[in-house]
Amino acid sequence: MPDASPPAVRYLALAQVAELLGVQVDEIVELIMQSRLRGARLGAPAVWRVEEASIAEYLAEQAEDARRRALWRQANAASFPELWGPPVRLGE
């Protein structure tokens, strides 16, 4: 029977993550400190590494936030007739 061990966790250097996300390395460290990316200090001397799976999760969260903001802006820009239809006149 094959071994059912979980897949190995892959870590990326801060510079790699910064390049992938198009931001500065300092911003990646800040995202780790805010727990928006999962990171660990590995090696000797210890240097920050970011768990690869957390990058995909972060990007999915960013896409969902953008989608919700767009819906919110769209809802705020809509007028009442667009939402509820024209006024109904009783007795006509």
PDB file of N, CA and C in Angstrom:
ATOM      1  N   MET A   1       0.847  -1.176   0.000  1.00  0.00           N
ATOM      2  CA  MET A   1       0.000   0.000   0.000  1.00  0.00           C
ATOM      3  C   MET A   1       0.891   1.238   0.000  1.00  0.00           C
ATOM      4  N   PRO A   2       0.593   2.243  -0.841  1.00  0.00           N
ATOM      5  CA  PRO A   2       1.437   3.441  -0.898  1.00  0.00           C
ATOM      6  C   PRO A   2       1.338   4.262   0.377  1.00  0.00           C
ATOM      7  N   ASP A   3       2.422   4.944   0.662  1.00  0.00           N
ATOM      8  CA  ASP A   3       2.474   5.820   1.833  1.00  0.00           C
ATOM      9  C   ASP A   3       1.572   7.027   1.586  1.00  0.00           C
ATOM     10  N   ALA A   4       0.683   7.323   2.519  1.00  0.00           N
ATOM     11  CA  ALA A   4      -0.271   8.429   2.373  1.00  0.00           C
ATOM     12  C   ALA A   4       0.225   9.684   3.074  1.00  0.00           C
ATOM     13  N   SER A   5       1.512   9.947   2.991  1.00  0.00           N
ATOM     14  CA  SER A   5       2.054  11.133   3.652  1.00  0.00           C
ATOM     15  C   SER A   5       1.597  12.387   2.912  1.00  0.00           C
ATOM     16  N   PRO A   6       1.379  13.473   3.655  1.00  0.00           N
ATOM     17  CA  PRO A   6       0.937  14.713   3.020  1.00  0.00           C
ATOM     18  C   PRO A   6       2.026  15.270   2.116  1.00  0.00           C
ATOM     19  N   PRO A   7       1.631  16.061   1.117  1.00  0.00           N
ATOM     20  CA  PRO A   7       2.651  16.636   0.233  1.00  0.00           C
ATOM     21  C   PRO A   7       3.573  17.570   1.002  1.00  0.00           C
ATOM     22  N   ALA A   8       4.806  17.648   0.565  1.00  0.00           N
ATOM     23  CA  ALA A   8       5.789  18.507   1.231  1.00  0.00           C
ATOM     24  C   ALA A   8       5.403  19.972   1.054  1.00  0.00           C
ATOM     25  N   VAL A   9       5.604  20.734   2.112  1.00  0.00           N
ATOM     26  CA  VAL A   9       5.340  22.169   2.061  1.00  0.00           C
ATOM     27  C   VAL A   9       6.507  22.828   1.348  1.00  0.00           C
ATOM     28  N   ARG A  10       6.205  23.681   0.386  1.00  0.00           N
ATOM     29  CA  ARG A  10       7.248  24.366  -0.378  1.00  0.00           C
ATOM     30  C   ARG A  10       7.303  25.818   0.070  1.00  0.00           C
ATOM     31  N   TYR A  11       8.517  26.301   0.296  1.00  0.00           N
ATOM     32  CA  TYR A  11       8.728  27.675   0.738  1.00  0.00           C
ATOM     33  C   TYR A  11       9.474  28.458  -0.331  1.00  0.00           C
ATOM     34  N   LEU A  12       9.139  29.739  -0.441  1.00  0.00           N
ATOM     35  CA  LEU A  12       9.801  30.632  -1.394  1.00  0.00           C
ATOM     36  C   LEU A  12      10.487  31.762  -0.649  1.00  0.00           C
ATOM     37  N   ALA A  13      11.557  32.277  -1.233  1.00  0.00           N
ATOM     38  CA  ALA A  13      12.266  33.423  -0.662  1.00  0.00           C
ATOM     39  C   ALA A  13      11.397  34.672  -0.796  1.00  0.00           C
ATOM     40  N   LEU A  14      11.627  35.628   0.095  1.00  0.00           N
ATOM     41  CA  LEU A  14      10.856  36.869   0.071  1.00  0.00           C
ATOM     42  C   LEU A  14      10.958  37.575  -1.272  1.00  0.00           C
ATOM     43  N   ALA A  15      12.152  37.588  -1.864  1.00  0.00           N
ATOM     44  CA  ALA A  15      12.338  38.257  -3.155  1.00  0.00           C
ATOM     45  C   ALA A  15      11.501  37.591  -4.247  1.00  0.00           C
ATOM     46  N   GLN A  16      11.384  36.269  -4.205  1.00  0.00           N
ATOM     47  CA  GLN A  16      10.566  35.561  -5.188  1.00  0.00           C
ATOM     48  C   GLN A  16       9.097  35.945  -5.045  1.00  0.00           C
ATOM     49  N   VAL A  17       8.630  35.991  -3.809  1.00  0.00           N
ATOM     50  CA  VAL A  17       7.230  36.334  -3.547  1.00  0.00           C
ATOM     51  C   VAL A  17       6.962  37.780  -3.952  1.00  0.00           C
ATOM     52  N   ALA A  18       7.892  38.667  -3.615  1.00  0.00           N
ATOM     53  CA  ALA A  18       7.738  40.076  -3.986  1.00  0.00           C
ATOM     54  C   ALA A  18       7.641  40.221  -5.499  1.00  0.00           C
ATOM     55  N   GLU A  19       8.455  39.477  -6.225  1.00  0.00           N
ATOM     56  CA  GLU A  19       8.415  39.541  -7.689  1.00  0.00           C
ATOM     57  C   GLU A  19       7.086  39.005  -8.218  1.00  0.00           C
ATOM     58  N   LEU A  20       6.612  37.896  -7.647  1.00  0.00           N
ATOM     59  CA  LEU A  20       5.335  37.320  -8.077  1.00  0.00           C
ATOM     60  C   LEU A  20       4.173  38.288  -7.870  1.00  0.00           C
ATOM     61  N   LEU A  21       4.193  38.991  -6.728  1.00  0.00           N
ATOM     62  CA  LEU A  21       3.088  39.889  -6.389  1.00  0.00           C
ATOM     63  C   LEU A  21       3.298  41.310  -6.888  1.00  0.00           C
ATOM     64  N   GLY A  22       4.491  41.604  -7.377  1.00  0.00           N
ATOM     65  CA  GLY A  22       4.771  42.941  -7.895  1.00  0.00           C
ATOM     66  C   GLY A  22       4.852  44.007  -6.822  1.00  0.00           C
ATOM     67  N   VAL A  23       5.401  43.634  -5.667  1.00  0.00           N
ATOM     68  CA  VAL A  23       5.556  44.574  -4.556  1.00  0.00           C
ATOM     69  C   VAL A  23       6.988  44.506  -4.033  1.00  0.00           C
ATOM     70  N   GLN A  24       7.289  45.349  -3.056  1.00  0.00           N
ATOM     71  CA  GLN A  24       8.612  45.363  -2.434  1.00  0.00           C
ATOM     72  C   GLN A  24       8.708  44.265  -1.364  1.00  0.00           C
ATOM     73  N   VAL A  25       9.915  43.850  -1.062  1.00  0.00           N
ATOM     74  CA  VAL A  25      10.156  42.818  -0.045  1.00  0.00           C
ATOM     75  C   VAL A  25       9.606  43.257   1.310  1.00  0.00           C
ATOM     76  N   ASP A  26       9.742  44.547   1.641  1.00  0.00           N
ATOM     77  CA  ASP A  26       9.220  45.047   2.923  1.00  0.00           C
ATOM     78  C   ASP A  26       7.718  44.806   3.047  1.00  0.00           C
ATOM     79  N   GLU A  27       7.002  44.916   1.934  1.00  0.00           N
ATOM     80  CA  GLU A  27       5.557  44.684   1.959  1.00  0.00           C
ATOM     81  C   GLU A  27       5.240  43.216   2.220  1.00  0.00           C
ATOM     82  N   ILE A  28       6.087  42.323   1.737  1.00  0.00           N
ATOM     83  CA  ILE A  28       5.892  40.893   1.992  1.00  0.00           C
ATOM     84  C   ILE A  28       6.080  40.608   3.476  1.00  0.00           C
ATOM     85  N   VAL A  29       7.104  41.195   4.075  1.00  0.00           N
ATOM     86  CA  VAL A  29       7.325  41.018   5.518  1.00  0.00           C
ATOM     87  C   VAL A  29       6.112  41.534   6.285  1.00  0.00           C
ATOM     88  N   GLU A  30       5.574  42.677   5.875  1.00  0.00           N
ATOM     89  CA  GLU A  30       4.392  43.238   6.539  1.00  0.00           C
ATOM     90  C   GLU A  30       3.186  42.301   6.402  1.00  0.00           C
ATOM     91  N   LEU A  31       3.008  41.696   5.240  1.00  0.00           N
ATOM     92  CA  LEU A  31       1.911  40.740   5.046  1.00  0.00           C
ATOM     93  C   LEU A  31       2.078  39.517   5.946  1.00  0.00           C
ATOM     94  N   ILE A  32       3.318  39.093   6.160  1.00  0.00           N
ATOM     95  CA  ILE A  32       3.575  37.980   7.085  1.00  0.00           C
ATOM     96  C   ILE A  32       3.216  38.403   8.503  1.00  0.00           C
ATOM     97  N   MET A  33       3.636  39.595   8.909  1.00  0.00           N
ATOM     98  CA  MET A  33       3.360  40.084  10.261  1.00  0.00           C
ATOM     99  C   MET A  33       1.856  40.247  10.503  1.00  0.00           C
ATOM    100  N   GLN A  34       1.111  40.569   9.449  1.00  0.00           N
ATOM    101  CA  GLN A  34      -0.342  40.718   9.551  1.00  0.00           C
ATOM    102  C   GLN A  34      -1.065  39.372   9.426  1.00  0.00           C
ATOM    103  N   SER A  35      -0.308  38.295   9.277  1.00  0.00           N
ATOM    104  CA  SER A  35      -0.836  36.931   9.090  1.00  0.00           C
ATOM    105  C   SER A  35      -1.661  36.792   7.817  1.00  0.00           C
ATOM    106  N   ARG A  36      -1.388  37.618   6.821  1.00  0.00           N
ATOM    107  CA  ARG A  36      -2.076  37.494   5.538  1.00  0.00           C
ATOM    108  C   ARG A  36      -1.323  36.531   4.630  1.00  0.00           C
ATOM    109  N   LEU A  37      -0.036  36.315   4.916  1.00  0.00           N
ATOM    110  CA  LEU A  37       0.778  35.276   4.286  1.00  0.00           C
ATOM    111  C   LEU A  37       1.392  34.447   5.403  1.00  0.00           C
ATOM    112  N   ARG A  38       1.535  33.143   5.159  1.00  0.00           N
ATOM    113  CA  ARG A  38       2.182  32.282   6.151  1.00  0.00           C
ATOM    114  C   ARG A  38       3.668  32.227   5.847  1.00  0.00           C
ATOM    115  N   GLY A  39       4.451  32.586   6.831  1.00  0.00           N
ATOM    116  CA  GLY A  39       5.892  32.572   6.663  1.00  0.00           C
ATOM    117  C   GLY A  39       6.573  31.932   7.850  1.00  0.00           C
ATOM    118  N   ALA A  40       7.831  31.578   7.654  1.00  0.00           N
ATOM    119  CA  ALA A  40       8.626  30.988   8.724  1.00  0.00           C
ATOM    120  C   ALA A  40      10.071  31.415   8.528  1.00  0.00           C
ATOM    121  N   ARG A  41      10.778  31.513   9.634  1.00  0.00           N
ATOM    122  CA  ARG A  41      12.217  31.797   9.569  1.00  0.00           C
ATOM    123  C   ARG A  41      12.928  30.458   9.550  1.00  0.00           C
ATOM    124  N   LEU A  42      13.586  30.178   8.444  1.00  0.00           N
ATOM    125  CA  LEU A  42      14.229  28.879   8.246  1.00  0.00           C
ATOM    126  C   LEU A  42      15.713  29.049   7.989  1.00  0.00           C
ATOM    127  N   GLY A  43      16.469  27.995   8.301  1.00  0.00           N
ATOM    128  CA  GLY A  43      17.895  27.965   7.987  1.00  0.00           C
ATOM    129  C   GLY A  43      18.747  28.605   9.059  1.00  0.00           C
ATOM    130  N   ALA A  44      20.046  28.608   8.789  1.00  0.00           N
ATOM    131  CA  ALA A  44      21.010  29.232   9.693  1.00  0.00           C
ATOM    132  C   ALA A  44      21.972  30.035   8.843  1.00  0.00           C
ATOM    133  N   PRO A  45      21.990  31.321   8.905  1.00  0.00           N
ATOM    134  CA  PRO A  45      21.134  32.155   9.751  1.00  0.00           C
ATOM    135  C   PRO A  45      19.687  32.127   9.255  1.00  0.00           C
ATOM    136  N   ALA A  46      18.773  32.308  10.194  1.00  0.00           N
ATOM    137  CA  ALA A  46      17.346  32.239   9.883  1.00  0.00           C
ATOM    138  C   ALA A  46      16.937  33.375   8.952  1.00  0.00           C
ATOM    139  N   VAL A  47      16.283  33.012   7.864  1.00  0.00           N
ATOM    140  CA  VAL A  47      15.749  33.998   6.921  1.00  0.00           C
ATOM    141  C   VAL A  47      14.276  33.663   6.667  1.00  0.00           C
ATOM    142  N   TRP A  48      13.508  34.699   6.388  1.00  0.00           N
ATOM    143  CA  TRP A  48      12.086  34.503   6.133  1.00  0.00           C
ATOM    144  C   TRP A  48      11.871  33.742   4.834  1.00  0.00           C
ATOM    145  N   ARG A  49      10.939  32.806   4.884  1.00  0.00           N
ATOM    146  CA  ARG A  49      10.451  32.085   3.713  1.00  0.00           C
ATOM    147  C   ARG A  49       8.922  32.107   3.799  1.00  0.00           C
ATOM    148  N   VAL A  50       8.282  32.107   2.639  1.00  0.00           N
ATOM    149  CA  VAL A  50       6.822  32.154   2.578  1.00  0.00           C
ATOM    150  C   VAL A  50       6.305  30.837   2.029  1.00  0.00           C
ATOM    151  N   GLU A  51       5.308  30.293   2.699  1.00  0.00           N
ATOM    152  CA  GLU A  51       4.697  29.051   2.254  1.00  0.00           C
ATOM    153  C   GLU A  51       3.991  29.299   0.917  1.00  0.00           C
ATOM    154  N   GLU A  52       4.337  28.502  -0.076  1.00  0.00           N
ATOM    155  CA  GLU A  52       3.820  28.715  -1.433  1.00  0.00           C
ATOM    156  C   GLU A  52       2.292  28.685  -1.483  1.00  0.00           C
ATOM    157  N   ALA A  53       1.670  27.771  -0.770  1.00  0.00           N
ATOM    158  CA  ALA A  53       0.205  27.664  -0.796  1.00  0.00           C
ATOM    159  C   ALA A  53      -0.463  28.926  -0.270  1.00  0.00           C
ATOM    160  N   SER A  54       0.194  29.629   0.663  1.00  0.00           N
ATOM    161  CA  SER A  54      -0.426  30.832   1.218  1.00  0.00           C
ATOM    162  C   SER A  54      -0.482  31.963   0.197  1.00  0.00           C
ATOM    163  N   ILE A  55       0.378  31.921  -0.819  1.00  0.00           N
ATOM    164  CA  ILE A  55       0.347  32.950  -1.868  1.00  0.00           C
ATOM    165  C   ILE A  55      -0.941  32.813  -2.677  1.00  0.00           C
ATOM    166  N   ALA A  56      -1.286  31.590  -3.055  1.00  0.00           N
ATOM    167  CA  ALA A  56      -2.528  31.359  -3.801  1.00  0.00           C
ATOM    168  C   ALA A  56      -3.740  31.764  -2.966  1.00  0.00           C
ATOM    169  N   GLU A  57      -3.713  31.453  -1.674  1.00  0.00           N
ATOM    170  CA  GLU A  57      -4.815  31.833  -0.789  1.00  0.00           C
ATOM    171  C   GLU A  57      -4.926  33.354  -0.682  1.00  0.00           C
ATOM    172  N   TYR A  58      -3.790  34.024  -0.562  1.00  0.00           N
ATOM    173  CA  TYR A  58      -3.779  35.488  -0.488  1.00  0.00           C
ATOM    174  C   TYR A  58      -4.351  36.095  -1.766  1.00  0.00           C
ATOM    175  N   LEU A  59      -3.934  35.580  -2.924  1.00  0.00           N
ATOM    176  CA  LEU A  59      -4.437  36.099  -4.195  1.00  0.00           C
ATOM    177  C   LEU A  59      -5.936  35.846  -4.342  1.00  0.00           C
ATOM    178  N   ALA A  60      -6.412  34.701  -3.877  1.00  0.00           N
ATOM    179  CA  ALA A  60      -7.848  34.412  -3.922  1.00  0.00           C
ATOM    180  C   ALA A  60      -8.617  35.389  -3.030  1.00  0.00           C
ATOM    181  N   GLU A  61      -8.070  35.689  -1.843  1.00  0.00           N
ATOM    182  CA  GLU A  61      -8.699  36.668  -0.945  1.00  0.00           C
ATOM    183  C   GLU A  61      -8.740  38.046  -1.593  1.00  0.00           C
ATOM    184  N   GLN A  62      -7.646  38.431  -2.250  1.00  0.00           N
ATOM    185  CA  GLN A  62      -7.592  39.735  -2.916  1.00  0.00           C
ATOM    186  C   GLN A  62      -8.636  39.806  -4.036  1.00  0.00           C
ATOM    187  N   ALA A  63      -8.777  38.734  -4.803  1.00  0.00           N
ATOM    188  CA  ALA A  63      -9.762  38.706  -5.889  1.00  0.00           C
ATOM    189  C   ALA A  63     -11.178  38.794  -5.335  1.00  0.00           C
ATOM    190  N   GLU A  64     -11.439  38.084  -4.246  1.00  0.00           N
ATOM    191  CA  GLU A  64     -12.766  38.135  -3.621  1.00  0.00           C
ATOM    192  C   GLU A  64     -13.051  39.526  -3.066  1.00  0.00           C
ATOM    193  N   ASP A  65     -12.069  40.152  -2.432  1.00  0.00           N
ATOM    194  CA  ASP A  65     -12.244  41.520  -1.931  1.00  0.00           C
ATOM    195  C   ASP A  65     -12.552  42.480  -3.073  1.00  0.00           C
ATOM    196  N   ALA A  66     -11.848  42.350  -4.181  1.00  0.00           N
ATOM    197  CA  ALA A  66     -12.084  43.217  -5.341  1.00  0.00           C
ATOM    198  C   ALA A  66     -13.481  42.989  -5.907  1.00  0.00           C
ATOM    199  N   ARG A  67     -13.905  41.741  -5.955  1.00  0.00           N
ATOM    200  CA  ARG A  67     -15.246  41.427  -6.454  1.00  0.00           C
ATOM    201  C   ARG A  67     -16.311  42.060  -5.570  1.00  0.00           C
ATOM    202  N   ARG A  68     -16.141  41.941  -4.256  1.00  0.00           N
ATOM    203  CA  ARG A  68     -17.119  42.518  -3.328  1.00  0.00           C
ATOM    204  C   ARG A  68     -17.135  44.037  -3.400  1.00  0.00           C
ATOM    205  N   ARG A  69     -15.958  44.659  -3.531  1.00  0.00           N
ATOM    206  CA  ARG A  69     -15.909  46.125  -3.662  1.00  0.00           C
ATOM    207  C   ARG A  69     -16.622  46.575  -4.927  1.00  0.00           C
ATOM    208  N   ALA A  70     -16.425  45.842  -6.022  1.00  0.00           N
ATOM    209  CA  ALA A  70     -17.086  46.192  -7.282  1.00  0.00           C
ATOM    210  C   ALA A  70     -18.601  46.071  -7.149  1.00  0.00           C
ATOM    211  N   LEU A  71     -19.071  45.018  -6.504  1.00  0.00           N
ATOM    212  CA  LEU A  71     -20.510  44.863  -6.287  1.00  0.00           C
ATOM    213  C   LEU A  71     -21.054  45.977  -5.407  1.00  0.00           C
ATOM    214  N   TRP A  72     -20.291  46.357  -4.380  1.00  0.00           N
ATOM    215  CA  TRP A  72     -20.718  47.428  -3.484  1.00  0.00           C
ATOM    216  C   TRP A  72     -20.817  48.746  -4.246  1.00  0.00           C
ATOM    217  N   ARG A  73     -19.807  49.058  -5.053  1.00  0.00           N
ATOM    218  CA  ARG A  73     -19.841  50.292  -5.851  1.00  0.00           C
ATOM    219  C   ARG A  73     -21.014  50.271  -6.824  1.00  0.00           C
ATOM    220  N   GLN A  74     -21.241  49.121  -7.431  1.00  0.00           N
ATOM    221  CA  GLN A  74     -22.339  48.990  -8.380  1.00  0.00           C
ATOM    222  C   GLN A  74     -23.679  49.191  -7.669  1.00  0.00           C
ATOM    223  N   ALA A  75     -23.832  48.622  -6.486  1.00  0.00           N
ATOM    224  CA  ALA A  75     -25.075  48.769  -5.732  1.00  0.00           C
ATOM    225  C   ALA A  75     -25.272  50.214  -5.292  1.00  0.00           C
ATOM    226  N   ASN A  76     -24.207  50.877  -4.898  1.00  0.00           N
ATOM    227  CA  ASN A  76     -24.322  52.269  -4.468  1.00  0.00           C
ATOM    228  C   ASN A  76     -24.638  53.196  -5.631  1.00  0.00           C
ATOM    229  N   ALA A  77     -24.206  52.837  -6.826  1.00  0.00           N
ATOM    230  CA  ALA A  77     -24.442  53.679  -7.997  1.00  0.00           C
ATOM    231  C   ALA A  77     -25.827  53.450  -8.597  1.00  0.00           C
ATOM    232  N   ALA A  78     -26.458  52.346  -8.254  1.00  0.00           N
ATOM    233  CA  ALA A  78     -27.769  52.028  -8.823  1.00  0.00           C
ATOM    234  C   ALA A  78     -28.833  52.947  -8.238  1.00  0.00           C
ATOM    235  N   SER A  79     -29.776  53.332  -9.069  1.00  0.00           N
ATOM    236  CA  SER A  79     -30.884  54.158  -8.585  1.00  0.00           C
ATOM    237  C   SER A  79     -32.038  53.241  -8.194  1.00  0.00           C
ATOM    238  N   PHE A  80     -32.993  53.781  -7.472  1.00  0.00           N
ATOM    239  CA  PHE A  80     -34.127  52.966  -7.047  1.00  0.00           C
ATOM    240  C   PHE A  80     -34.924  52.408  -8.228  1.00  0.00           C
ATOM    241  N   PRO A  81     -35.209  53.191  -9.290  1.00  0.00           N
ATOM    242  CA  PRO A  81     -35.922  52.581 -10.421  1.00  0.00           C
ATOM    243  C   PRO A  81     -35.159  51.417 -11.041  1.00  0.00           C
ATOM    244  N   GLU A  82     -33.831  51.489 -11.052  1.00  0.00           N
ATOM    245  CA  GLU A  82     -33.057  50.374 -11.598  1.00  0.00           C
ATOM    246  C   GLU A  82     -33.207  49.135 -10.731  1.00  0.00           C
ATOM    247  N   LEU A  83     -33.310  49.346  -9.429  1.00  0.00           N
ATOM    248  CA  LEU A  83     -33.415  48.214  -8.511  1.00  0.00           C
ATOM    249  C   LEU A  83     -34.830  47.666  -8.423  1.00  0.00           C
ATOM    250  N   TRP A  84     -35.813  48.560  -8.331  1.00  0.00           N
ATOM    251  CA  TRP A  84     -37.172  48.141  -8.021  1.00  0.00           C
ATOM    252  C   TRP A  84     -38.142  48.319  -9.184  1.00  0.00           C
ATOM    253  N   GLY A  85     -37.709  48.910 -10.261  1.00  0.00           N
ATOM    254  CA  GLY A  85     -38.598  49.147 -11.392  1.00  0.00           C
ATOM    255  C   GLY A  85     -39.290  50.494 -11.252  1.00  0.00           C
ATOM    256  N   PRO A  86     -40.047  50.890 -12.266  1.00  0.00           N
ATOM    257  CA  PRO A  86     -40.716  52.193 -12.213  1.00  0.00           C
ATOM    258  C   PRO A  86     -41.801  52.186 -11.142  1.00  0.00           C
ATOM    259  N   PRO A  87     -42.172  53.371 -10.667  1.00  0.00           N
ATOM    260  CA  PRO A  87     -43.208  53.433  -9.632  1.00  0.00           C
ATOM    261  C   PRO A  87     -44.541  52.895 -10.159  1.00  0.00           C
ATOM    262  N   VAL A  88     -45.255  52.239  -9.293  1.00  0.00           N
ATOM    263  CA  VAL A  88     -46.567  51.693  -9.641  1.00  0.00           C
ATOM    264  C   VAL A  88     -47.615  52.695  -9.196  1.00  0.00           C
ATOM    265  N   ARG A  89     -48.482  53.058 -10.106  1.00  0.00           N
ATOM    266  CA  ARG A  89     -49.561  53.997  -9.785  1.00  0.00           C
ATOM    267  C   ARG A  89     -50.843  53.183  -9.610  1.00  0.00           C
ATOM    268  N   LEU A  90     -51.409  53.287  -8.448  1.00  0.00           N
ATOM    269  CA  LEU A  90     -52.632  52.553  -8.147  1.00  0.00           C
ATOM    270  C   LEU A  90     -53.829  53.278  -8.746  1.00  0.00           C
ATOM    271  N   GLY A  91     -54.782  52.534  -9.240  1.00  0.00           N
ATOM    272  CA  GLY A  91     -56.018  53.105  -9.760  1.00  0.00           C
ATOM    273  C   GLY A  91     -55.924  53.545 -11.196  1.00  0.00           C
ATOM    274  N   GLU A  92     -54.893  53.291 -11.881  1.00  0.00           N
ATOM    275  CA  GLU A  92     -54.806  53.689 -13.295  1.00  0.00           C
ATOM    276  C   GLU A  92     -55.200  52.569 -14.195  1.00  0.00           C
TER     277      GLU A  92
END
